[in-house]
């Protein structure tokens, strides 16, 4: 295990100066402090005592995801993570993060400076500055709906998207649907790629073609535009599989505006099974992610990595909650 002496030797400075840099003392320059933190990250140093009961601290970084209210997607994930961590005497801090912060501070430097022993990362996109540095991090890290290879310090948690999409398509196909559209989220998100690949694979397995005209990209945060929904319907779709419930809600609103009846004229399936899906008009059939369990799984994966068990991918099984937004042809 790397020590303060190792950092001091590498930088040719005293151990006292290293200690000041690691603990945020005001009597050394910011440039030297950053150099100390970067060197600590490079050689895999963690603060002495950071895993003792009184000092154990984990972080949940959140970007591009709502989590303040009970109906928000990230709320239950963070709650599940906190519940599991609390049972084993870890403090948890939730840190909203931005591109600007990521550009100002390297990932490892930020965690070491704050005394975090590891982190769960929610909502990151492909182009986030920290995604490249996470590939080589020395600090235990778990990504939700993102995956990187080659680093035993980084794990992945999420839902089995192959199984989730298959559950939805089996339901629609059993109702006679063959022209099924897929309305995805942003292509900057890895989970969009996972679900699109799963959709294509499942359609092929059922002897159905993936039709490019029945595929469109939307936004996980604001949903689809009415003209996008109308285009899918005009191109012959009898059902729409959405990449999230938020997208499905926008389809419901668009259909209301255009006097298109769900499910009589178009069947609809969401993904996530957020609480609001019970009260949409009509109530939304949706692939359910147990977000409490995702959060707990995130903690268990992170703690295993902290203990030297190099877990990789940890998938939970989804279920399908059937309501009234789908209809037999």
C-alpha atoms as a PDB file:
ATOM      1  CA  UNK A   1       0.000   0.000   0.000  1.00  0.00           C
ATOM      2  CA  UNK A   2       1.343   3.423  -0.973  1.00  0.00           C
ATOM      3  CA  UNK A   3       2.294   5.784   1.860  1.00  0.00           C
ATOM      4  CA  UNK A   4       3.021   9.487   2.416  1.00  0.00           C
ATOM      5  CA  UNK A   5       6.723   8.613   2.257  1.00  0.00           C
ATOM      6  CA  UNK A   6       6.238   7.234  -1.257  1.00  0.00           C
ATOM      7  CA  UNK A   7       4.644  10.488  -2.390  1.00  0.00           C
ATOM      8  CA  UNK A   8       7.384  12.552  -0.740  1.00  0.00           C
ATOM      9  CA  UNK A   9      10.104  10.475  -2.378  1.00  0.00           C
ATOM     10  CA  UNK A  10       8.507  10.735  -5.818  1.00  0.00           C
ATOM     11  CA  UNK A  11       8.185  14.525  -5.573  1.00  0.00           C
ATOM     12  CA  UNK A  12      11.423  15.053  -3.614  1.00  0.00           C
ATOM     13  CA  UNK A  13       9.659  16.986  -0.845  1.00  0.00           C
ATOM     14  CA  UNK A  14       9.179  16.399   2.884  1.00  0.00           C
ATOM     15  CA  UNK A  15       6.499  14.143   4.321  1.00  0.00           C
ATOM     16  CA  UNK A  16       5.234  17.171   6.260  1.00  0.00           C
ATOM     17  CA  UNK A  17       4.605  19.047   3.020  1.00  0.00           C
ATOM     18  CA  UNK A  18       2.813  16.000   1.597  1.00  0.00           C
ATOM     19  CA  UNK A  19       0.614  15.847   4.698  1.00  0.00           C
ATOM     20  CA  UNK A  20      -0.280  19.520   4.299  1.00  0.00           C
ATOM     21  CA  UNK A  21      -1.221  18.966   0.674  1.00  0.00           C
ATOM     22  CA  UNK A  22      -3.403  15.982   1.468  1.00  0.00           C
ATOM     23  CA  UNK A  23      -5.207  17.785   4.274  1.00  0.00           C
ATOM     24  CA  UNK A  24      -5.821  21.137   2.555  1.00  0.00           C
ATOM     25  CA  UNK A  25      -3.412  23.293   4.568  1.00  0.00           C
ATOM     26  CA  UNK A  26      -3.373  26.947   3.520  1.00  0.00           C
ATOM     27  CA  UNK A  27       0.389  27.499   3.725  1.00  0.00           C
ATOM     28  CA  UNK A  28       1.322  25.655   0.526  1.00  0.00           C
ATOM     29  CA  UNK A  29       0.533  26.704  -3.032  1.00  0.00           C
ATOM     30  CA  UNK A  30      -2.481  25.369  -4.903  1.00  0.00           C
ATOM     31  CA  UNK A  31      -0.163  24.136  -7.663  1.00  0.00           C
ATOM     32  CA  UNK A  32       1.864  22.051  -5.203  1.00  0.00           C
ATOM     33  CA  UNK A  33      -1.292  20.750  -3.551  1.00  0.00           C
ATOM     34  CA  UNK A  34      -2.614  19.559  -6.921  1.00  0.00           C
ATOM     35  CA  UNK A  35       0.736  17.943  -7.689  1.00  0.00           C
ATOM     36  CA  UNK A  36       0.631  16.073  -4.372  1.00  0.00           C
ATOM     37  CA  UNK A  37      -2.948  14.896  -4.946  1.00  0.00           C
ATOM     38  CA  UNK A  38      -2.225  13.825  -8.509  1.00  0.00           C
ATOM     39  CA  UNK A  39       0.818  11.862  -7.385  1.00  0.00           C
ATOM     40  CA  UNK A  40      -1.213  10.246  -4.607  1.00  0.00           C
ATOM     41  CA  UNK A  41      -3.776   9.178  -7.203  1.00  0.00           C
ATOM     42  CA  UNK A  42      -1.093   7.909  -9.565  1.00  0.00           C
ATOM     43  CA  UNK A  43       0.492   5.574  -7.024  1.00  0.00           C
ATOM     44  CA  UNK A  44      -2.795   4.429  -5.470  1.00  0.00           C
ATOM     45  CA  UNK A  45      -2.571   6.208  -2.109  1.00  0.00           C
ATOM     46  CA  UNK A  46      -5.587   6.459   0.177  1.00  0.00           C
ATOM     47  CA  UNK A  47      -5.644   8.515   3.333  1.00  0.00           C
ATOM     48  CA  UNK A  48      -4.576   6.644   6.425  1.00  0.00           C
ATOM     49  CA  UNK A  49      -7.575   5.768   8.552  1.00  0.00           C
ATOM     50  CA  UNK A  50     -10.087   6.427   5.771  1.00  0.00           C
ATOM     51  CA  UNK A  51     -11.518   2.947   6.253  1.00  0.00           C
ATOM     52  CA  UNK A  52     -11.756   3.202  10.038  1.00  0.00           C
ATOM     53  CA  UNK A  53     -15.310   3.318  11.360  1.00  0.00           C
ATOM     54  CA  UNK A  54     -15.132   6.987  12.367  1.00  0.00           C
ATOM     55  CA  UNK A  55     -13.738   8.110   8.998  1.00  0.00           C
ATOM     56  CA  UNK A  56     -15.441   5.860   6.450  1.00  0.00           C
ATOM     57  CA  UNK A  57     -16.967   7.992   3.731  1.00  0.00           C
ATOM     58  CA  UNK A  58     -18.383   7.201   0.292  1.00  0.00           C
ATOM     59  CA  UNK A  59     -19.646   9.485  -2.435  1.00  0.00           C
ATOM     60  CA  UNK A  60     -22.523   9.370  -4.907  1.00  0.00           C
ATOM     61  CA  UNK A  61     -21.865  11.618  -7.903  1.00  0.00           C
ATOM     62  CA  UNK A  62     -24.996  12.647  -9.810  1.00  0.00           C
ATOM     63  CA  UNK A  63     -25.319  14.294 -13.192  1.00  0.00           C
ATOM     64  CA  UNK A  64     -28.211  14.449 -15.699  1.00  0.00           C
ATOM     65  CA  UNK A  65     -30.555  12.776 -13.223  1.00  0.00           C
ATOM     66  CA  UNK A  66     -33.253  14.081 -10.878  1.00  0.00           C
ATOM     67  CA  UNK A  67     -33.055  12.701  -7.355  1.00  0.00           C
ATOM     68  CA  UNK A  68     -34.576  15.184  -4.868  1.00  0.00           C
ATOM     69  CA  UNK A  69     -38.205  13.983  -4.869  1.00  0.00           C
ATOM     70  CA  UNK A  70     -39.647  10.522  -4.244  1.00  0.00           C
ATOM     71  CA  UNK A  71     -40.931  10.345  -7.833  1.00  0.00           C
ATOM     72  CA  UNK A  72     -37.493  11.189  -9.284  1.00  0.00           C
ATOM     73  CA  UNK A  73     -35.582   8.361 -10.926  1.00  0.00           C
ATOM     74  CA  UNK A  74     -32.444   8.762  -8.805  1.00  0.00           C
ATOM     75  CA  UNK A  75     -34.196   9.114  -5.444  1.00  0.00           C
ATOM     76  CA  UNK A  76     -34.617   5.400  -4.717  1.00  0.00           C
ATOM     77  CA  UNK A  77     -31.185   4.477  -6.076  1.00  0.00           C
ATOM     78  CA  UNK A  78     -29.524   6.856  -3.636  1.00  0.00           C
ATOM     79  CA  UNK A  79     -31.834   5.732  -0.831  1.00  0.00           C
ATOM     80  CA  UNK A  80     -30.955   2.067  -1.407  1.00  0.00           C
ATOM     81  CA  UNK A  81     -27.240   2.891  -1.500  1.00  0.00           C
ATOM     82  CA  UNK A  82     -27.473   4.869   1.741  1.00  0.00           C
ATOM     83  CA  UNK A  83     -29.470   2.145   3.477  1.00  0.00           C
ATOM     84  CA  UNK A  84     -26.910  -0.542   2.651  1.00  0.00           C
ATOM     85  CA  UNK A  85     -23.955   1.714   3.499  1.00  0.00           C
ATOM     86  CA  UNK A  86     -25.485   2.858   6.798  1.00  0.00           C
ATOM     87  CA  UNK A  87     -25.855  -0.756   7.920  1.00  0.00           C
ATOM     88  CA  UNK A  88     -22.079  -1.094   7.660  1.00  0.00           C
ATOM     89  CA  UNK A  89     -21.213   2.267   9.229  1.00  0.00           C
ATOM     90  CA  UNK A  90     -20.324   4.247   6.102  1.00  0.00           C
ATOM     91  CA  UNK A  91     -21.178   7.915   5.755  1.00  0.00           C
ATOM     92  CA  UNK A  92     -22.490   8.854   2.301  1.00  0.00           C
ATOM     93  CA  UNK A  93     -22.322  12.247   0.612  1.00  0.00           C
ATOM     94  CA  UNK A  94     -24.338  13.023  -2.509  1.00  0.00           C
ATOM     95  CA  UNK A  95     -22.455  15.380  -4.808  1.00  0.00           C
ATOM     96  CA  UNK A  96     -24.111  16.913  -7.888  1.00  0.00           C
ATOM     97  CA  UNK A  97     -21.393  17.207 -10.503  1.00  0.00           C
ATOM     98  CA  UNK A  98     -20.956  19.201 -13.710  1.00  0.00           C
ATOM     99  CA  UNK A  99     -18.659  19.384 -16.737  1.00  0.00           C
ATOM    100  CA  UNK A 100     -17.070  22.498 -15.256  1.00  0.00           C
ATOM    101  CA  UNK A 101     -16.099  20.792 -11.998  1.00  0.00           C
ATOM    102  CA  UNK A 102     -14.807  17.759 -13.897  1.00  0.00           C
ATOM    103  CA  UNK A 103     -12.617  20.000 -16.059  1.00  0.00           C
ATOM    104  CA  UNK A 104     -11.176  21.783 -13.013  1.00  0.00           C
ATOM    105  CA  UNK A 105     -10.375  18.709 -10.933  1.00  0.00           C
ATOM    106  CA  UNK A 106      -9.199  15.255 -11.926  1.00  0.00           C
ATOM    107  CA  UNK A 107     -11.394  12.413 -10.658  1.00  0.00           C
ATOM    108  CA  UNK A 108      -8.855  10.788  -8.337  1.00  0.00           C
ATOM    109  CA  UNK A 109      -7.627  14.140  -7.043  1.00  0.00           C
ATOM    110  CA  UNK A 110     -11.150  15.177  -6.093  1.00  0.00           C
ATOM    111  CA  UNK A 111     -11.905  11.955  -4.190  1.00  0.00           C
ATOM    112  CA  UNK A 112      -8.582  11.898  -2.349  1.00  0.00           C
ATOM    113  CA  UNK A 113      -8.870  15.566  -1.365  1.00  0.00           C
ATOM    114  CA  UNK A 114     -12.310  14.922   0.120  1.00  0.00           C
ATOM    115  CA  UNK A 115     -11.333  11.686   1.878  1.00  0.00           C
ATOM    116  CA  UNK A 116     -13.724   9.438  -0.055  1.00  0.00           C
ATOM    117  CA  UNK A 117     -12.896   5.730  -0.138  1.00  0.00           C
ATOM    118  CA  UNK A 118     -14.984   5.129  -3.274  1.00  0.00           C
ATOM    119  CA  UNK A 119     -17.912   6.352  -5.311  1.00  0.00           C
ATOM    120  CA  UNK A 120     -21.103   5.397  -7.134  1.00  0.00           C
ATOM    121  CA  UNK A 121     -21.620   7.385 -10.334  1.00  0.00           C
ATOM    122  CA  UNK A 122     -25.094   8.134 -11.681  1.00  0.00           C
ATOM    123  CA  UNK A 123     -26.124   9.793 -14.928  1.00  0.00           C
ATOM    124  CA  UNK A 124     -22.770  10.274 -16.645  1.00  0.00           C
ATOM    125  CA  UNK A 125     -22.599  10.559 -20.452  1.00  0.00           C
ATOM    126  CA  UNK A 126     -19.937   9.387 -22.903  1.00  0.00           C
ATOM    127  CA  UNK A 127     -18.439  12.870 -23.211  1.00  0.00           C
ATOM    128  CA  UNK A 128     -18.035  13.588 -19.508  1.00  0.00           C
ATOM    129  CA  UNK A 129     -14.406  14.602 -18.786  1.00  0.00           C
ATOM    130  CA  UNK A 130     -14.082  12.116 -15.930  1.00  0.00           C
ATOM    131  CA  UNK A 131     -15.055   9.090 -18.029  1.00  0.00           C
ATOM    132  CA  UNK A 132     -11.558   8.784 -19.515  1.00  0.00           C
ATOM    133  CA  UNK A 133      -9.791   9.164 -16.169  1.00  0.00           C
ATOM    134  CA  UNK A 134     -12.097   6.604 -14.540  1.00  0.00           C
ATOM    135  CA  UNK A 135     -10.699   4.005 -16.939  1.00  0.00           C
ATOM    136  CA  UNK A 136      -7.386   4.288 -15.058  1.00  0.00           C
ATOM    137  CA  UNK A 137      -8.549   5.243 -11.567  1.00  0.00           C
ATOM    138  CA  UNK A 138      -6.955   3.715  -8.482  1.00  0.00           C
ATOM    139  CA  UNK A 139     -10.055   4.403  -6.383  1.00  0.00           C
ATOM    140  CA  UNK A 140     -12.933   1.896  -6.082  1.00  0.00           C
ATOM    141  CA  UNK A 141     -15.704   3.093  -8.382  1.00  0.00           C
ATOM    142  CA  UNK A 142     -19.077   1.773  -9.521  1.00  0.00           C
ATOM    143  CA  UNK A 143     -20.839   3.047 -12.628  1.00  0.00           C
ATOM    144  CA  UNK A 144     -24.594   2.863 -13.106  1.00  0.00           C
ATOM    145  CA  UNK A 145     -25.612   2.132 -16.717  1.00  0.00           C
ATOM    146  CA  UNK A 146     -22.057   2.692 -17.915  1.00  0.00           C
ATOM    147  CA  UNK A 147     -19.255   0.225 -18.415  1.00  0.00           C
ATOM    148  CA  UNK A 148     -15.509   0.380 -18.902  1.00  0.00           C
ATOM    149  CA  UNK A 149     -13.088  -2.502 -19.378  1.00  0.00           C
ATOM    150  CA  UNK A 150      -9.643  -3.368 -18.097  1.00  0.00           C
ATOM    151  CA  UNK A 151      -9.684  -1.776 -14.641  1.00  0.00           C
ATOM    152  CA  UNK A 152     -10.409  -4.046 -11.649  1.00  0.00           C
ATOM    153  CA  UNK A 153     -11.133  -0.947  -9.551  1.00  0.00           C
ATOM    154  CA  UNK A 154     -14.260  -0.152 -11.594  1.00  0.00           C
ATOM    155  CA  UNK A 155     -17.518  -2.110 -11.522  1.00  0.00           C
ATOM    156  CA  UNK A 156     -20.911  -1.759 -13.175  1.00  0.00           C
ATOM    157  CA  UNK A 157     -24.473  -2.070 -11.892  1.00  0.00           C
ATOM    158  CA  UNK A 158     -27.721  -1.924 -13.780  1.00  0.00           C
ATOM    159  CA  UNK A 159     -30.703  -3.838 -15.073  1.00  0.00           C
ATOM    160  CA  UNK A 160     -30.440  -6.701 -17.539  1.00  0.00           C
ATOM    161  CA  UNK A 161     -31.611  -4.710 -20.554  1.00  0.00           C
ATOM    162  CA  UNK A 162     -31.749  -7.782 -22.789  1.00  0.00           C
ATOM    163  CA  UNK A 163     -34.267  -9.340 -20.447  1.00  0.00           C
ATOM    164  CA  UNK A 164     -36.196  -6.094 -19.944  1.00  0.00           C
ATOM    165  CA  UNK A 165     -36.634  -5.408 -23.649  1.00  0.00           C
ATOM    166  CA  UNK A 166     -37.507  -9.059 -24.258  1.00  0.00           C
ATOM    167  CA  UNK A 167     -40.262  -8.910 -21.633  1.00  0.00           C
ATOM    168  CA  UNK A 168     -41.773  -5.849 -23.304  1.00  0.00           C
ATOM    169  CA  UNK A 169     -41.582  -7.231 -26.840  1.00  0.00           C
ATOM    170  CA  UNK A 170     -42.959 -10.624 -25.842  1.00  0.00           C
ATOM    171  CA  UNK A 171     -45.968  -8.826 -24.395  1.00  0.00           C
ATOM    172  CA  UNK A 172     -46.535  -6.691 -27.513  1.00  0.00           C
ATOM    173  CA  UNK A 173     -45.981  -9.566 -29.930  1.00  0.00           C
ATOM    174  CA  UNK A 174     -48.430 -11.737 -27.979  1.00  0.00           C
ATOM    175  CA  UNK A 175     -50.996  -9.012 -28.652  1.00  0.00           C
ATOM    176  CA  UNK A 176     -50.379  -9.247 -32.391  1.00  0.00           C
ATOM    177  CA  UNK A 177     -48.011  -6.315 -32.874  1.00  0.00           C
ATOM    178  CA  UNK A 178     -45.325  -6.709 -35.542  1.00  0.00           C
ATOM    179  CA  UNK A 179     -44.514  -3.126 -36.510  1.00  0.00           C
ATOM    180  CA  UNK A 180     -43.037  -1.990 -33.213  1.00  0.00           C
ATOM    181  CA  UNK A 181     -41.232   1.353 -33.055  1.00  0.00           C
ATOM    182  CA  UNK A 182     -38.369   2.081 -30.697  1.00  0.00           C
ATOM    183  CA  UNK A 183     -38.131   5.596 -29.260  1.00  0.00           C
ATOM    184  CA  UNK A 184     -34.707   5.847 -27.639  1.00  0.00           C
ATOM    185  CA  UNK A 185     -32.997   8.323 -25.351  1.00  0.00           C
ATOM    186  CA  UNK A 186     -29.926  10.374 -26.262  1.00  0.00           C
ATOM    187  CA  UNK A 187     -27.183   8.484 -28.091  1.00  0.00           C
ATOM    188  CA  UNK A 188     -24.628  10.081 -25.727  1.00  0.00           C
ATOM    189  CA  UNK A 189     -25.827   7.637 -23.071  1.00  0.00           C
ATOM    190  CA  UNK A 190     -24.454   4.101 -22.916  1.00  0.00           C
ATOM    191  CA  UNK A 191     -27.786   2.736 -21.688  1.00  0.00           C
ATOM    192  CA  UNK A 192     -29.369   3.940 -24.943  1.00  0.00           C
ATOM    193  CA  UNK A 193     -26.899   1.769 -26.829  1.00  0.00           C
ATOM    194  CA  UNK A 194     -27.615  -1.189 -24.537  1.00  0.00           C
ATOM    195  CA  UNK A 195     -31.371  -0.952 -25.056  1.00  0.00           C
ATOM    196  CA  UNK A 196     -31.225  -0.360 -28.802  1.00  0.00           C
ATOM    197  CA  UNK A 197     -28.955  -3.393 -29.221  1.00  0.00           C
ATOM    198  CA  UNK A 198     -31.324  -5.450 -27.047  1.00  0.00           C
ATOM    199  CA  UNK A 199     -34.317  -4.266 -29.093  1.00  0.00           C
ATOM    200  CA  UNK A 200     -32.713  -5.251 -32.405  1.00  0.00           C
ATOM    201  CA  UNK A 201     -31.645  -8.638 -31.016  1.00  0.00           C
ATOM    202  CA  UNK A 202     -35.067  -9.423 -29.575  1.00  0.00           C
ATOM    203  CA  UNK A 203     -36.914  -8.371 -32.745  1.00  0.00           C
ATOM    204  CA  UNK A 204     -34.663 -10.644 -34.808  1.00  0.00           C
ATOM    205  CA  UNK A 205     -35.179 -13.537 -32.392  1.00  0.00           C
ATOM    206  CA  UNK A 206     -38.925 -13.207 -32.945  1.00  0.00           C
ATOM    207  CA  UNK A 207     -38.524 -13.160 -36.720  1.00  0.00           C
ATOM    208  CA  UNK A 208     -39.301  -9.454 -37.007  1.00  0.00           C
ATOM    209  CA  UNK A 209     -37.334  -6.793 -38.857  1.00  0.00           C
ATOM    210  CA  UNK A 210     -35.825  -3.678 -37.351  1.00  0.00           C
ATOM    211  CA  UNK A 211     -37.212  -0.887 -39.541  1.00  0.00           C
ATOM    212  CA  UNK A 212     -35.103   2.290 -39.523  1.00  0.00           C
ATOM    213  CA  UNK A 213     -38.206   4.433 -40.137  1.00  0.00           C
ATOM    214  CA  UNK A 214     -39.599   3.085 -36.867  1.00  0.00           C
ATOM    215  CA  UNK A 215     -36.611   4.242 -34.826  1.00  0.00           C
ATOM    216  CA  UNK A 216     -36.132   7.729 -33.386  1.00  0.00           C
ATOM    217  CA  UNK A 217     -33.954   9.433 -30.774  1.00  0.00           C
ATOM    218  CA  UNK A 218     -35.499  11.552 -28.051  1.00  0.00           C
ATOM    219  CA  UNK A 219     -34.448  13.024 -24.696  1.00  0.00           C
ATOM    220  CA  UNK A 220     -34.493  11.254 -21.346  1.00  0.00           C
ATOM    221  CA  UNK A 221     -35.180  14.563 -19.606  1.00  0.00           C
ATOM    222  CA  UNK A 222     -37.815  16.249 -21.825  1.00  0.00           C
ATOM    223  CA  UNK A 223     -39.122  13.396 -23.966  1.00  0.00           C
ATOM    224  CA  UNK A 224     -40.172  13.310 -27.603  1.00  0.00           C
ATOM    225  CA  UNK A 225     -41.603  16.014 -29.843  1.00  0.00           C
ATOM    226  CA  UNK A 226     -45.150  15.470 -31.193  1.00  0.00           C
ATOM    227  CA  UNK A 227     -43.892  15.413 -34.802  1.00  0.00           C
ATOM    228  CA  UNK A 228     -41.527  12.554 -33.907  1.00  0.00           C
ATOM    229  CA  UNK A 229     -44.399  10.532 -32.465  1.00  0.00           C
ATOM    230  CA  UNK A 230     -46.615  11.299 -35.473  1.00  0.00           C
ATOM    231  CA  UNK A 231     -43.853  10.211 -37.860  1.00  0.00           C
ATOM    232  CA  UNK A 232     -43.568   6.808 -36.180  1.00  0.00           C
ATOM    233  CA  UNK A 233     -47.324   6.306 -36.366  1.00  0.00           C
ATOM    234  CA  UNK A 234     -47.515   7.458 -39.999  1.00  0.00           C
ATOM    235  CA  UNK A 235     -44.722   5.012 -40.849  1.00  0.00           C
ATOM    236  CA  UNK A 236     -46.960   2.167 -39.731  1.00  0.00           C
ATOM    237  CA  UNK A 237     -46.125   1.560 -36.070  1.00  0.00           C
ATOM    238  CA  UNK A 238     -48.889  -0.113 -34.087  1.00  0.00           C
ATOM    239  CA  UNK A 239     -46.871   0.010 -30.856  1.00  0.00           C
ATOM    240  CA  UNK A 240     -44.050   2.148 -29.466  1.00  0.00           C
ATOM    241  CA  UNK A 241     -41.392   0.839 -27.098  1.00  0.00           C
ATOM    242  CA  UNK A 242     -39.839   3.761 -25.206  1.00  0.00           C
ATOM    243  CA  UNK A 243     -36.370   3.946 -23.702  1.00  0.00           C
ATOM    244  CA  UNK A 244     -37.752   5.463 -20.480  1.00  0.00           C
ATOM    245  CA  UNK A 245     -41.015   6.370 -18.778  1.00  0.00           C
ATOM    246  CA  UNK A 246     -40.249  10.079 -19.215  1.00  0.00           C
ATOM    247  CA  UNK A 247     -40.181   9.542 -22.981  1.00  0.00           C
ATOM    248  CA  UNK A 248     -43.409   7.525 -22.768  1.00  0.00           C
ATOM    249  CA  UNK A 249     -45.101  10.356 -20.838  1.00  0.00           C
ATOM    250  CA  UNK A 250     -44.225  12.728 -23.679  1.00  0.00           C
ATOM    251  CA  UNK A 251     -45.803  10.286 -26.149  1.00  0.00           C
ATOM    252  CA  UNK A 252     -48.994  10.291 -24.078  1.00  0.00           C
ATOM    253  CA  UNK A 253     -49.058  14.110 -24.099  1.00  0.00           C
ATOM    254  CA  UNK A 254     -48.364  14.236 -27.835  1.00  0.00           C
ATOM    255  CA  UNK A 255     -51.151  11.760 -28.566  1.00  0.00           C
ATOM    256  CA  UNK A 256     -53.576  13.774 -26.445  1.00  0.00           C
ATOM    257  CA  UNK A 257     -52.711  16.902 -28.451  1.00  0.00           C
ATOM    258  CA  UNK A 258     -53.231  15.073 -31.757  1.00  0.00           C
ATOM    259  CA  UNK A 259     -56.378  13.204 -30.636  1.00  0.00           C
ATOM    260  CA  UNK A 260     -54.666   9.838 -31.052  1.00  0.00           C
ATOM    261  CA  UNK A 261     -56.086   7.239 -28.681  1.00  0.00           C
ATOM    262  CA  UNK A 262     -53.832   5.051 -26.530  1.00  0.00           C
ATOM    263  CA  UNK A 263     -54.032   2.047 -26.712  1.00  0.00           C
ATOM    264  CA  UNK A 264     -56.745   1.795 -29.380  1.00  0.00           C
ATOM    265  CA  UNK A 265     -54.675   3.488 -32.096  1.00  0.00           C
ATOM    266  CA  UNK A 266     -51.179   2.986 -30.721  1.00  0.00           C
ATOM    267  CA  UNK A 267     -49.923   0.761 -27.890  1.00  0.00           C
ATOM    268  CA  UNK A 268     -47.224   2.098 -25.602  1.00  0.00           C
ATOM    269  CA  UNK A 269     -44.621   0.591 -23.262  1.00  0.00           C
ATOM    270  CA  UNK A 270     -42.234   2.552 -21.034  1.00  0.00           C
ATOM    271  CA  UNK A 271     -39.043   1.638 -19.205  1.00  0.00           C
ATOM    272  CA  UNK A 272     -38.361   2.275 -15.485  1.00  0.00           C
ATOM    273  CA  UNK A 273     -41.865   2.008 -13.952  1.00  0.00           C
ATOM    274  CA  UNK A 274     -41.704   5.326 -12.142  1.00  0.00           C
ATOM    275  CA  UNK A 275     -44.459   5.986  -9.564  1.00  0.00           C
ATOM    276  CA  UNK A 276     -46.236   8.386 -11.951  1.00  0.00           C
ATOM    277  CA  UNK A 277     -46.797   5.540 -14.418  1.00  0.00           C
ATOM    278  CA  UNK A 278     -49.696   4.352 -12.265  1.00  0.00           C
ATOM    279  CA  UNK A 279     -51.626   7.598 -12.781  1.00  0.00           C
ATOM    280  CA  UNK A 280     -51.003   8.511 -16.417  1.00  0.00           C
ATOM    281  CA  UNK A 281     -53.968   8.392 -18.779  1.00  0.00           C
ATOM    282  CA  UNK A 282     -53.977   5.547 -19.538  1.00  0.00           C
ATOM    283  CA  UNK A 283     -51.803   3.956 -16.835  1.00  0.00           C
ATOM    284  CA  UNK A 284     -48.505   2.967 -18.441  1.00  0.00           C
ATOM    285  CA  UNK A 285     -47.262  -0.557 -19.023  1.00  0.00           C
ATOM    286  CA  UNK A 286     -43.557  -0.396 -18.169  1.00  0.00           C
ATOM    287  CA  UNK A 287     -40.406  -2.433 -17.609  1.00  0.00           C
ATOM    288  CA  UNK A 288     -39.724  -2.117 -13.903  1.00  0.00           C
ATOM    289  CA  UNK A 289     -36.310  -1.386 -12.445  1.00  0.00           C
ATOM    290  CA  UNK A 290     -36.186  -1.930  -8.683  1.00  0.00           C
ATOM    291  CA  UNK A 291     -34.200   1.206  -7.963  1.00  0.00           C
ATOM    292  CA  UNK A 292     -33.829   0.538  -4.232  1.00  0.00           C
ATOM    293  CA  UNK A 293     -32.148  -2.746  -5.124  1.00  0.00           C
ATOM    294  CA  UNK A 294     -29.987  -1.043  -7.757  1.00  0.00           C
ATOM    295  CA  UNK A 295     -28.722   1.295  -5.040  1.00  0.00           C
ATOM    296  CA  UNK A 296     -28.026  -1.575  -2.659  1.00  0.00           C
ATOM    297  CA  UNK A 297     -26.336  -3.533  -5.414  1.00  0.00           C
ATOM    298  CA  UNK A 298     -24.210  -0.463  -6.140  1.00  0.00           C
ATOM    299  CA  UNK A 299     -23.041  -0.418  -2.530  1.00  0.00           C
ATOM    300  CA  UNK A 300     -22.365  -4.171  -2.389  1.00  0.00           C
ATOM    301  CA  UNK A 301     -20.329  -3.981  -5.606  1.00  0.00           C
ATOM    302  CA  UNK A 302     -18.375  -0.966  -4.379  1.00  0.00           C
ATOM    303  CA  UNK A 303     -17.627  -2.517  -0.998  1.00  0.00           C
ATOM    304  CA  UNK A 304     -16.467  -5.727  -2.667  1.00  0.00           C
ATOM    305  CA  UNK A 305     -13.997  -3.747  -4.786  1.00  0.00           C
ATOM    306  CA  UNK A 306     -12.792  -1.886  -1.675  1.00  0.00           C
ATOM    307  CA  UNK A 307     -12.146  -5.303  -0.094  1.00  0.00           C
ATOM    308  CA  UNK A 308     -10.099  -6.421  -3.106  1.00  0.00           C
ATOM    309  CA  UNK A 309     -12.800  -8.456  -4.880  1.00  0.00           C
ATOM    310  CA  UNK A 310     -12.681  -7.226  -8.503  1.00  0.00           C
ATOM    311  CA  UNK A 311     -16.365  -7.467  -9.427  1.00  0.00           C
ATOM    312  CA  UNK A 312     -17.220  -6.491 -12.975  1.00  0.00           C
ATOM    313  CA  UNK A 313     -20.867  -6.411 -14.136  1.00  0.00           C
ATOM    314  CA  UNK A 314     -23.714  -6.823 -11.680  1.00  0.00           C
ATOM    315  CA  UNK A 315     -27.136  -7.063 -13.371  1.00  0.00           C
ATOM    316  CA  UNK A 316     -30.500  -7.135 -11.624  1.00  0.00           C
ATOM    317  CA  UNK A 317     -33.527  -8.792 -13.175  1.00  0.00           C
ATOM    318  CA  UNK A 318     -36.330  -6.519 -14.412  1.00  0.00           C
ATOM    319  CA  UNK A 319     -40.047  -7.296 -14.412  1.00  0.00           C
ATOM    320  CA  UNK A 320     -42.901  -6.055 -16.598  1.00  0.00           C
ATOM    321  CA  UNK A 321     -45.719  -4.117 -14.949  1.00  0.00           C
ATOM    322  CA  UNK A 322     -48.752  -4.457 -17.227  1.00  0.00           C
ATOM    323  CA  UNK A 323     -51.340  -1.709 -17.173  1.00  0.00           C
ATOM    324  CA  UNK A 324     -53.711  -0.251 -19.761  1.00  0.00           C
ATOM    325  CA  UNK A 325     -51.472   1.385 -22.359  1.00  0.00           C
ATOM    326  CA  UNK A 326     -51.270  -1.693 -24.611  1.00  0.00           C
ATOM    327  CA  UNK A 327     -54.046  -3.286 -26.679  1.00  0.00           C
ATOM    328  CA  UNK A 328     -54.557  -6.495 -28.647  1.00  0.00           C
ATOM    329  CA  UNK A 329     -54.827  -5.953 -32.393  1.00  0.00           C
END
